[in-house]
Amino acid sequence: MKLLTEKIKKRLPALYSSQEQEGPQKFACKFFDPCGSWTWYVLEGDEREDGDWLFYGLVDGFEKEWGYFLLSDLEKVKGPLGLGIERDVYFENEEVAKYA
C-alpha cells in the first residue's frame, strides 16, 4: 500500500504552518500498525531534498506524544507477520481535538 498519495500531498500543510492557523486544526492522514497498537496522525509535512517526507503529528504508541517522524521510517517497519505500516483509507481530515 502506498502510504503517501498525491491527494494527501496536496492537502498536507507545510511544517510549522498550523502554528498560525486559527480555528480547529485537522489531521491530514492516519497511519497504523495492523499487528500492533501504534498509530501516527499527520498534522503537517514537508518533502526533504532527498525525496523523503518529514511529518509532524500525534504519535499514539506507548503513550500519546507530539513529534516528528519520517515517511521512510514508517515504510521500513515490518511486523511479526511481515505486514508493514498501513494508511487508514477511510480517515479524512479529522479534528485534532478529537484525538489529542
PDB file of N, CA and C in Angstrom:
ATOM      1  N   MET A   1       0.850  -1.189   0.000  1.00  0.00           N
ATOM      2  CA  MET A   1       0.000   0.000   0.000  1.00  0.00           C
ATOM      3  C   MET A   1       0.887   1.242   0.000  1.00  0.00           C
ATOM      4  N   LYS A   2       0.546   2.182  -0.854  1.00  0.00           N
ATOM      5  CA  LYS A   2       1.257   3.454  -0.891  1.00  0.00           C
ATOM      6  C   LYS A   2       0.788   4.296   0.294  1.00  0.00           C
ATOM      7  N   LEU A   3       1.722   4.714   1.147  1.00  0.00           N
ATOM      8  CA  LEU A   3       1.341   5.459   2.343  1.00  0.00           C
ATOM      9  C   LEU A   3       0.989   6.915   2.043  1.00  0.00           C
ATOM     10  N   LEU A   4       1.735   7.549   1.159  1.00  0.00           N
ATOM     11  CA  LEU A   4       1.513   8.969   0.887  1.00  0.00           C
ATOM     12  C   LEU A   4       1.071   9.157  -0.558  1.00  0.00           C
ATOM     13  N   THR A   5      -0.189   9.488  -0.742  1.00  0.00           N
ATOM     14  CA  THR A   5      -0.746   9.669  -2.085  1.00  0.00           C
ATOM     15  C   THR A   5      -0.611  11.128  -2.537  1.00  0.00           C
ATOM     16  N   GLU A   6      -0.823  11.354  -3.804  1.00  0.00           N
ATOM     17  CA  GLU A   6      -0.791  12.724  -4.337  1.00  0.00           C
ATOM     18  C   GLU A   6      -1.901  13.567  -3.712  1.00  0.00           C
ATOM     19  N   LYS A   7      -3.039  12.978  -3.474  1.00  0.00           N
ATOM     20  CA  LYS A   7      -4.158  13.691  -2.859  1.00  0.00           C
ATOM     21  C   LYS A   7      -3.776  14.201  -1.464  1.00  0.00           C
ATOM     22  N   ILE A   8      -3.109  13.369  -0.691  1.00  0.00           N
ATOM     23  CA  ILE A   8      -2.678  13.776   0.648  1.00  0.00           C
ATOM     24  C   ILE A   8      -1.609  14.852   0.547  1.00  0.00           C
ATOM     25  N   LYS A   9      -0.669  14.687  -0.359  1.00  0.00           N
ATOM     26  CA  LYS A   9       0.399  15.682  -0.530  1.00  0.00           C
ATOM     27  C   LYS A   9      -0.176  17.065  -0.803  1.00  0.00           C
ATOM     28  N   LYS A  10      -1.218  17.124  -1.618  1.00  0.00           N
ATOM     29  CA  LYS A  10      -1.809  18.408  -1.987  1.00  0.00           C
ATOM     30  C   LYS A  10      -2.495  19.108  -0.821  1.00  0.00           C
ATOM     31  N   ARG A  11      -3.086  18.341   0.084  1.00  0.00           N
ATOM     32  CA  ARG A  11      -3.808  18.962   1.196  1.00  0.00           C
ATOM     33  C   ARG A  11      -2.992  19.044   2.488  1.00  0.00           C
ATOM     34  N   LEU A  12      -1.769  18.525   2.469  1.00  0.00           N
ATOM     35  CA  LEU A  12      -0.921  18.499   3.648  1.00  0.00           C
ATOM     36  C   LEU A  12      -0.300  19.868   3.897  1.00  0.00           C
ATOM     37  N   PRO A  13      -0.596  20.491   5.031  1.00  0.00           N
ATOM     38  CA  PRO A  13       0.015  21.783   5.337  1.00  0.00           C
ATOM     39  C   PRO A  13       1.525  21.646   5.529  1.00  0.00           C
ATOM     40  N   ALA A  14       2.253  22.697   5.198  1.00  0.00           N
ATOM     41  CA  ALA A  14       3.700  22.710   5.381  1.00  0.00           C
ATOM     42  C   ALA A  14       4.034  22.694   6.874  1.00  0.00           C
ATOM     43  N   LEU A  15       5.237  22.218   7.192  1.00  0.00           N
ATOM     44  CA  LEU A  15       5.669  22.208   8.585  1.00  0.00           C
ATOM     45  C   LEU A  15       5.607  23.619   9.177  1.00  0.00           C
ATOM     46  N   TYR A  16       5.179  23.707  10.392  1.00  0.00           N
ATOM     47  CA  TYR A  16       5.068  24.939  11.188  1.00  0.00           C
ATOM     48  C   TYR A  16       3.947  25.873  10.741  1.00  0.00           C
ATOM     49  N   SER A  17       3.181  25.518   9.720  1.00  0.00           N
ATOM     50  CA  SER A  17       2.133  26.412   9.230  1.00  0.00           C
ATOM     51  C   SER A  17       0.907  26.427  10.132  1.00  0.00           C
ATOM     52  N   SER A  18       0.663  25.371  10.862  1.00  0.00           N
ATOM     53  CA  SER A  18      -0.538  25.332  11.698  1.00  0.00           C
ATOM     54  C   SER A  18      -0.391  26.141  12.983  1.00  0.00           C
ATOM     55  N   GLN A  19       0.820  26.584  13.287  1.00  0.00           N
ATOM     56  CA  GLN A  19       1.034  27.407  14.478  1.00  0.00           C
ATOM     57  C   GLN A  19       0.271  28.722  14.388  1.00  0.00           C
ATOM     58  N   GLU A  20       0.116  29.210  13.175  1.00  0.00           N
ATOM     59  CA  GLU A  20      -0.565  30.485  12.965  1.00  0.00           C
ATOM     60  C   GLU A  20      -2.022  30.314  12.547  1.00  0.00           C
ATOM     61  N   GLN A  21      -2.464  29.084  12.437  1.00  0.00           N
ATOM     62  CA  GLN A  21      -3.823  28.800  11.994  1.00  0.00           C
ATOM     63  C   GLN A  21      -4.830  29.047  13.109  1.00  0.00           C
ATOM     64  N   GLU A  22      -5.881  29.714  12.784  1.00  0.00           N
ATOM     65  CA  GLU A  22      -6.964  29.931  13.739  1.00  0.00           C
ATOM     66  C   GLU A  22      -8.038  28.883  13.512  1.00  0.00           C
ATOM     67  N   GLY A  23      -8.767  28.582  14.553  1.00  0.00           N
ATOM     68  CA  GLY A  23      -9.824  27.587  14.441  1.00  0.00           C
ATOM     69  C   GLY A  23      -9.282  26.189  14.648  1.00  0.00           C
ATOM     70  N   PRO A  24     -10.136  25.213  14.501  1.00  0.00           N
ATOM     71  CA  PRO A  24      -9.716  23.837  14.747  1.00  0.00           C
ATOM     72  C   PRO A  24      -8.716  23.341  13.703  1.00  0.00           C
ATOM     73  N   GLN A  25      -7.695  22.646  14.174  1.00  0.00           N
ATOM     74  CA  GLN A  25      -6.725  22.047  13.273  1.00  0.00           C
ATOM     75  C   GLN A  25      -7.191  20.640  12.922  1.00  0.00           C
ATOM     76  N   LYS A  26      -6.807  20.199  11.729  1.00  0.00           N
ATOM     77  CA  LYS A  26      -7.238  18.880  11.270  1.00  0.00           C
ATOM     78  C   LYS A  26      -6.044  18.056  10.818  1.00  0.00           C
ATOM     79  N   PHE A  27      -6.084  16.771  11.138  1.00  0.00           N
ATOM     80  CA  PHE A  27      -5.059  15.855  10.663  1.00  0.00           C
ATOM     81  C   PHE A  27      -5.293  15.564   9.193  1.00  0.00           C
ATOM     82  N   ALA A  28      -4.209  15.425   8.450  1.00  0.00           N
ATOM     83  CA  ALA A  28      -4.306  15.154   7.018  1.00  0.00           C
ATOM     84  C   ALA A  28      -4.461  13.664   6.721  1.00  0.00           C
ATOM     85  N   CYS A  29      -3.843  12.813   7.554  1.00  0.00           N
ATOM     86  CA  CYS A  29      -3.951  11.372   7.335  1.00  0.00           C
ATOM     87  C   CYS A  29      -3.550  10.620   8.595  1.00  0.00           C
ATOM     88  N   LYS A  30      -3.784   9.327   8.548  1.00  0.00           N
ATOM     89  CA  LYS A  30      -3.512   8.452   9.694  1.00  0.00           C
ATOM     90  C   LYS A  30      -2.838   7.189   9.199  1.00  0.00           C
ATOM     91  N   PHE A  31      -1.715   6.829   9.848  1.00  0.00           N
ATOM     92  CA  PHE A  31      -1.022   5.583   9.582  1.00  0.00           C
ATOM     93  C   PHE A  31      -1.144   4.705  10.814  1.00  0.00           C
ATOM     94  N   PHE A  32      -1.155   3.385  10.631  1.00  0.00           N
ATOM     95  CA  PHE A  32      -1.279   2.500  11.782  1.00  0.00           C
ATOM     96  C   PHE A  32      -0.554   1.178  11.541  1.00  0.00           C
ATOM     97  N   ASP A  33      -0.228   0.517  12.629  1.00  0.00           N
ATOM     98  CA  ASP A  33       0.400  -0.798  12.598  1.00  0.00           C
ATOM     99  C   ASP A  33      -0.712  -1.840  12.702  1.00  0.00           C
ATOM    100  N   PRO A  34      -0.972  -2.617  11.658  1.00  0.00           N
ATOM    101  CA  PRO A  34      -2.067  -3.588  11.697  1.00  0.00           C
ATOM    102  C   PRO A  34      -1.829  -4.751  12.662  1.00  0.00           C
ATOM    103  N   CYS A  35      -0.585  -4.912  13.110  1.00  0.00           N
ATOM    104  CA  CYS A  35      -0.261  -6.001  14.042  1.00  0.00           C
ATOM    105  C   CYS A  35      -0.026  -5.493  15.458  1.00  0.00           C
ATOM    106  N   GLY A  36      -0.225  -4.217  15.676  1.00  0.00           N
ATOM    107  CA  GLY A  36       0.055  -3.640  16.987  1.00  0.00           C
ATOM    108  C   GLY A  36      -0.900  -2.513  17.299  1.00  0.00           C
ATOM    109  N   SER A  37      -0.491  -1.695  18.234  1.00  0.00           N
ATOM    110  CA  SER A  37      -1.384  -0.624  18.681  1.00  0.00           C
ATOM    111  C   SER A  37      -0.867   0.773  18.330  1.00  0.00           C
ATOM    112  N   TRP A  38       0.218   0.866  17.594  1.00  0.00           N
ATOM    113  CA  TRP A  38       0.783   2.172  17.270  1.00  0.00           C
ATOM    114  C   TRP A  38       0.007   2.840  16.138  1.00  0.00           C
ATOM    115  N   THR A  39      -0.187   4.173  16.297  1.00  0.00           N
ATOM    116  CA  THR A  39      -0.881   4.976  15.290  1.00  0.00           C
ATOM    117  C   THR A  39      -0.182   6.319  15.157  1.00  0.00           C
ATOM    118  N   TRP A  40      -0.066   6.808  13.933  1.00  0.00           N
ATOM    119  CA  TRP A  40       0.550   8.100  13.643  1.00  0.00           C
ATOM    120  C   TRP A  40      -0.478   8.972  12.942  1.00  0.00           C
ATOM    121  N   TYR A  41      -0.789  10.126  13.527  1.00  0.00           N
ATOM    122  CA  TYR A  41      -1.717  11.093  12.937  1.00  0.00           C
ATOM    123  C   TYR A  41      -0.888  12.262  12.406  1.00  0.00           C
ATOM    124  N   VAL A  42      -0.971  12.535  11.113  1.00  0.00           N
ATOM    125  CA  VAL A  42      -0.145  13.557  10.471  1.00  0.00           C
ATOM    126  C   VAL A  42      -0.878  14.893  10.448  1.00  0.00           C
ATOM    127  N   LEU A  43      -0.245  15.913  11.029  1.00  0.00           N
ATOM    128  CA  LEU A  43      -0.792  17.264  11.033  1.00  0.00           C
ATOM    129  C   LEU A  43      -0.157  18.116   9.935  1.00  0.00           C
ATOM    130  N   GLU A  44       1.163  17.994   9.778  1.00  0.00           N
ATOM    131  CA  GLU A  44       1.905  18.799   8.798  1.00  0.00           C
ATOM    132  C   GLU A  44       3.020  17.950   8.195  1.00  0.00           C
ATOM    133  N   GLY A  45       3.561  18.395   7.081  1.00  0.00           N
ATOM    134  CA  GLY A  45       4.688  17.683   6.494  1.00  0.00           C
ATOM    135  C   GLY A  45       5.332  18.440   5.360  1.00  0.00           C
ATOM    136  N   ASP A  46       6.590  18.148   5.132  1.00  0.00           N
ATOM    137  CA  ASP A  46       7.354  18.745   4.038  1.00  0.00           C
ATOM    138  C   ASP A  46       8.222  17.679   3.385  1.00  0.00           C
ATOM    139  N   GLU A  47       8.368  17.798   2.074  1.00  0.00           N
ATOM    140  CA  GLU A  47       9.285  16.916   1.372  1.00  0.00           C
ATOM    141  C   GLU A  47      10.706  17.428   1.565  1.00  0.00           C
ATOM    142  N   ARG A  48      11.607  16.521   1.860  1.00  0.00           N
ATOM    143  CA  ARG A  48      13.005  16.888   2.052  1.00  0.00           C
ATOM    144  C   ARG A  48      13.747  16.798   0.728  1.00  0.00           C
ATOM    145  N   GLU A  49      14.967  17.310   0.711  1.00  0.00           N
ATOM    146  CA  GLU A  49      15.763  17.316  -0.505  1.00  0.00           C
ATOM    147  C   GLU A  49      16.028  15.915  -1.043  1.00  0.00           C
ATOM    148  N   ASP A  50      16.095  14.926  -0.161  1.00  0.00           N
ATOM    149  CA  ASP A  50      16.376  13.556  -0.585  1.00  0.00           C
ATOM    150  C   ASP A  50      15.126  12.808  -1.050  1.00  0.00           C
ATOM    151  N   GLY A  51      13.963  13.502  -1.085  1.00  0.00           N
ATOM    152  CA  GLY A  51      12.723  12.896  -1.540  1.00  0.00           C
ATOM    153  C   GLY A  51      11.891  12.269  -0.433  1.00  0.00           C
ATOM    154  N   ASP A  52      12.468  12.163   0.758  1.00  0.00           N
ATOM    155  CA  ASP A  52      11.730  11.637   1.908  1.00  0.00           C
ATOM    156  C   ASP A  52      10.788  12.726   2.425  1.00  0.00           C
ATOM    157  N   TRP A  53       9.862  12.354   3.274  1.00  0.00           N
ATOM    158  CA  TRP A  53       8.925  13.303   3.865  1.00  0.00           C
ATOM    159  C   TRP A  53       9.093  13.334   5.369  1.00  0.00           C
ATOM    160  N   LEU A  54       9.161  14.538   5.934  1.00  0.00           N
ATOM    161  CA  LEU A  54       9.216  14.734   7.379  1.00  0.00           C
ATOM    162  C   LEU A  54       7.841  15.211   7.814  1.00  0.00           C
ATOM    163  N   PHE A  55       7.247  14.478   8.745  1.00  0.00           N
ATOM    164  CA  PHE A  55       5.916  14.796   9.249  1.00  0.00           C
ATOM    165  C   PHE A  55       5.989  15.278  10.689  1.00  0.00           C
ATOM    166  N   TYR A  56       4.985  16.048  11.081  1.00  0.00           N
ATOM    167  CA  TYR A  56       4.770  16.397  12.474  1.00  0.00           C
ATOM    168  C   TYR A  56       3.343  15.993  12.801  1.00  0.00           C
ATOM    169  N   GLY A  57       3.179  15.358  13.949  1.00  0.00           N
ATOM    170  CA  GLY A  57       1.838  14.952  14.324  1.00  0.00           C
ATOM    171  C   GLY A  57       1.805  14.247  15.658  1.00  0.00           C
ATOM    172  N   LEU A  58       0.703  13.605  15.907  1.00  0.00           N
ATOM    173  CA  LEU A  58       0.470  12.897  17.157  1.00  0.00           C
ATOM    174  C   LEU A  58       0.801  11.420  16.961  1.00  0.00           C
ATOM    175  N   VAL A  59       1.660  10.918  17.840  1.00  0.00           N
ATOM    176  CA  VAL A  59       2.033   9.511  17.805  1.00  0.00           C
ATOM    177  C   VAL A  59       1.406   8.846  19.023  1.00  0.00           C
ATOM    178  N   ASP A  60       0.591   7.846  18.773  1.00  0.00           N
ATOM    179  CA  ASP A  60      -0.069   7.108  19.840  1.00  0.00           C
ATOM    180  C   ASP A  60       0.554   5.720  19.889  1.00  0.00           C
ATOM    181  N   GLY A  61       1.540   5.564  20.787  1.00  0.00           N
ATOM    182  CA  GLY A  61       2.255   4.296  20.919  1.00  0.00           C
ATOM    183  C   GLY A  61       2.176   3.831  22.351  1.00  0.00           C
ATOM    184  N   PHE A  62       3.309   3.863  23.036  1.00  0.00           N
ATOM    185  CA  PHE A  62       3.304   3.527  24.456  1.00  0.00           C
ATOM    186  C   PHE A  62       2.517   4.585  25.230  1.00  0.00           C
ATOM    187  N   GLU A  63       2.542   5.799  24.714  1.00  0.00           N
ATOM    188  CA  GLU A  63       1.749   6.910  25.234  1.00  0.00           C
ATOM    189  C   GLU A  63       1.531   7.878  24.083  1.00  0.00           C
ATOM    190  N   LYS A  64       0.633   8.839  24.254  1.00  0.00           N
ATOM    191  CA  LYS A  64       0.399   9.837  23.204  1.00  0.00           C
ATOM    192  C   LYS A  64       1.415  10.957  23.356  1.00  0.00           C
ATOM    193  N   GLU A  65       2.061  11.303  22.246  1.00  0.00           N
ATOM    194  CA  GLU A  65       3.004  12.416  22.273  1.00  0.00           C
ATOM    195  C   GLU A  65       3.107  13.042  20.885  1.00  0.00           C
ATOM    196  N   TRP A  66       3.383  14.334  20.864  1.00  0.00           N
ATOM    197  CA  TRP A  66       3.561  15.073  19.621  1.00  0.00           C
ATOM    198  C   TRP A  66       5.016  14.965  19.209  1.00  0.00           C
ATOM    199  N   GLY A  67       5.250  14.812  17.906  1.00  0.00           N
ATOM    200  CA  GLY A  67       6.631  14.729  17.463  1.00  0.00           C
ATOM    201  C   GLY A  67       6.759  14.638  15.962  1.00  0.00           C
ATOM    202  N   TYR A  68       8.011  14.505  15.533  1.00  0.00           N
ATOM    203  CA  TYR A  68       8.362  14.422  14.116  1.00  0.00           C
ATOM    204  C   TYR A  68       8.681  12.976  13.766  1.00  0.00           C
ATOM    205  N   PHE A  69       8.335  12.569  12.557  1.00  0.00           N
ATOM    206  CA  PHE A  69       8.660  11.232  12.083  1.00  0.00           C
ATOM    207  C   PHE A  69       8.791  11.255  10.573  1.00  0.00           C
ATOM    208  N   LEU A  70       9.587  10.325  10.053  1.00  0.00           N
ATOM    209  CA  LEU A  70       9.872  10.258   8.627  1.00  0.00           C
ATOM    210  C   LEU A  70       9.027   9.187   7.937  1.00  0.00           C
ATOM    211  N   LEU A  71       8.619   9.484   6.721  1.00  0.00           N
ATOM    212  CA  LEU A  71       7.898   8.512   5.913  1.00  0.00           C
ATOM    213  C   LEU A  71       8.750   7.263   5.707  1.00  0.00           C
ATOM    214  N   SER A  72      10.038   7.438   5.453  1.00  0.00           N
ATOM    215  CA  SER A  72      10.917   6.291   5.200  1.00  0.00           C
ATOM    216  C   SER A  72      10.985   5.361   6.413  1.00  0.00           C
ATOM    217  N   ASP A  73      10.919   5.903   7.622  1.00  0.00           N
ATOM    218  CA  ASP A  73      10.920   5.061   8.819  1.00  0.00           C
ATOM    219  C   ASP A  73       9.651   4.224   8.897  1.00  0.00           C
ATOM    220  N   LEU A  74       8.518   4.817   8.545  1.00  0.00           N
ATOM    221  CA  LEU A  74       7.260   4.067   8.552  1.00  0.00           C
ATOM    222  C   LEU A  74       7.280   2.972   7.488  1.00  0.00           C
ATOM    223  N   GLU A  75       7.877   3.269   6.340  1.00  0.00           N
ATOM    224  CA  GLU A  75       7.925   2.299   5.240  1.00  0.00           C
ATOM    225  C   GLU A  75       8.844   1.116   5.543  1.00  0.00           C
ATOM    226  N   LYS A  76       9.813   1.295   6.438  1.00  0.00           N
ATOM    227  CA  LYS A  76      10.759   0.229   6.778  1.00  0.00           C
ATOM    228  C   LYS A  76      10.185  -0.789   7.765  1.00  0.00           C
ATOM    229  N   VAL A  77       9.162  -0.429   8.491  1.00  0.00           N
ATOM    230  CA  VAL A  77       8.629  -1.290   9.542  1.00  0.00           C
ATOM    231  C   VAL A  77       7.987  -2.539   8.942  1.00  0.00           C
ATOM    232  N   LYS A  78       8.360  -3.670   9.486  1.00  0.00           N
ATOM    233  CA  LYS A  78       7.724  -4.946   9.142  1.00  0.00           C
ATOM    234  C   LYS A  78       7.375  -5.632  10.461  1.00  0.00           C
ATOM    235  N   GLY A  79       6.113  -5.912  10.641  1.00  0.00           N
ATOM    236  CA  GLY A  79       5.649  -6.536  11.868  1.00  0.00           C
ATOM    237  C   GLY A  79       5.937  -8.026  11.908  1.00  0.00           C
ATOM    238  N   PRO A  80       5.497  -8.693  12.965  1.00  0.00           N
ATOM    239  CA  PRO A  80       5.767 -10.122  13.129  1.00  0.00           C
ATOM    240  C   PRO A  80       5.157 -11.001  12.031  1.00  0.00           C
ATOM    241  N   LEU A  81       4.134 -10.532  11.393  1.00  0.00           N
ATOM    242  CA  LEU A  81       3.506 -11.297  10.310  1.00  0.00           C
ATOM    243  C   LEU A  81       3.981 -10.840   8.930  1.00  0.00           C
ATOM    244  N   GLY A  82       4.994  -9.967   8.916  1.00  0.00           N
ATOM    245  CA  GLY A  82       5.510  -9.449   7.654  1.00  0.00           C
ATOM    246  C   GLY A  82       4.724  -8.280   7.097  1.00  0.00           C
ATOM    247  N   LEU A  83       3.743  -7.809   7.854  1.00  0.00           N
ATOM    248  CA  LEU A  83       2.936  -6.672   7.410  1.00  0.00           C
ATOM    249  C   LEU A  83       3.614  -5.364   7.781  1.00  0.00           C
ATOM    250  N   GLY A  84       3.501  -4.389   6.896  1.00  0.00           N
ATOM    251  CA  GLY A  84       4.059  -3.073   7.166  1.00  0.00           C
ATOM    252  C   GLY A  84       3.002  -2.121   7.688  1.00  0.00           C
ATOM    253  N   ILE A  85       3.421  -0.892   7.903  1.00  0.00           N
ATOM    254  CA  ILE A  85       2.505   0.167   8.339  1.00  0.00           C
ATOM    255  C   ILE A  85       1.519   0.422   7.202  1.00  0.00           C
ATOM    256  N   GLU A  86       0.276   0.690   7.559  1.00  0.00           N
ATOM    257  CA  GLU A  86      -0.756   0.958   6.560  1.00  0.00           C
ATOM    258  C   GLU A  86      -1.365   2.335   6.784  1.00  0.00           C
ATOM    259  N   ARG A  87      -2.021   2.834   5.743  1.00  0.00           N
ATOM    260  CA  ARG A  87      -2.746   4.105   5.821  1.00  0.00           C
ATOM    261  C   ARG A  87      -4.226   3.794   5.971  1.00  0.00           C
ATOM    262  N   ASP A  88      -4.871   4.521   6.872  1.00  0.00           N
ATOM    263  CA  ASP A  88      -6.318   4.368   7.048  1.00  0.00           C
ATOM    264  C   ASP A  88      -6.993   5.071   5.876  1.00  0.00           C
ATOM    265  N   VAL A  89      -7.525   4.299   4.954  1.00  0.00           N
ATOM    266  CA  VAL A  89      -8.104   4.854   3.733  1.00  0.00           C
ATOM    267  C   VAL A  89      -9.436   5.561   3.989  1.00  0.00           C
ATOM    268  N   TYR A  90     -10.032   5.342   5.140  1.00  0.00           N
ATOM    269  CA  TYR A  90     -11.318   5.966   5.467  1.00  0.00           C
ATOM    270  C   TYR A  90     -11.165   7.213   6.339  1.00  0.00           C
ATOM    271  N   PHE A  91      -9.938   7.549   6.700  1.00  0.00           N
ATOM    272  CA  PHE A  91      -9.660   8.695   7.567  1.00  0.00           C
ATOM    273  C   PHE A  91      -9.585   9.954   6.723  1.00  0.00           C
ATOM    274  N   GLU A  92     -10.407  10.957   7.041  1.00  0.00           N
ATOM    275  CA  GLU A  92     -10.426  12.196   6.251  1.00  0.00           C
ATOM    276  C   GLU A  92     -10.497  13.426   7.138  1.00  0.00           C
ATOM    277  N   ASN A  93      -9.427  14.175   7.216  1.00  0.00           N
ATOM    278  CA  ASN A  93      -9.397  15.483   7.871  1.00  0.00           C
ATOM    279  C   ASN A  93     -10.120  15.529   9.225  1.00  0.00           C
ATOM    280  N   GLU A  94      -9.759  14.655  10.125  1.00  0.00           N
ATOM    281  CA  GLU A  94     -10.350  14.625  11.461  1.00  0.00           C
ATOM    282  C   GLU A  94      -9.752  15.741  12.314  1.00  0.00           C
ATOM    283  N   GLU A  95     -10.575  16.337  13.166  1.00  0.00           N
ATOM    284  CA  GLU A  95     -10.095  17.421  14.033  1.00  0.00           C
ATOM    285  C   GLU A  95      -9.142  16.897  15.090  1.00  0.00           C
ATOM    286  N   VAL A  96      -8.111  17.687  15.362  1.00  0.00           N
ATOM    287  CA  VAL A  96      -7.081  17.338  16.339  1.00  0.00           C
ATOM    288  C   VAL A  96      -7.681  17.142  17.728  1.00  0.00           C
ATOM    289  N   ALA A  97      -8.593  17.997  18.115  1.00  0.00           N
ATOM    290  CA  ALA A  97      -9.174  17.948  19.467  1.00  0.00           C
ATOM    291  C   ALA A  97      -9.808  16.594  19.774  1.00  0.00           C
ATOM    292  N   LYS A  98     -10.247  15.907  18.760  1.00  0.00           N
ATOM    293  CA  LYS A  98     -10.897  14.597  18.957  1.00  0.00           C
ATOM    294  C   LYS A  98      -9.913  13.547  19.454  1.00  0.00           C
ATOM    295  N   TYR A  99      -8.624  13.703  19.153  1.00  0.00           N
ATOM    296  CA  TYR A  99      -7.621  12.694  19.460  1.00  0.00           C
ATOM    297  C   TYR A  99      -6.614  13.121  20.510  1.00  0.00           C
ATOM    298  N   ALA A 100      -6.337  14.394  20.611  1.00  0.00           N
ATOM    299  CA  ALA A 100      -5.270  14.874  21.495  1.00  0.00           C
ATOM    300  C   ALA A 100      -5.649  14.955  22.938  1.00  0.00           C
TER     301      ALA A 100
END
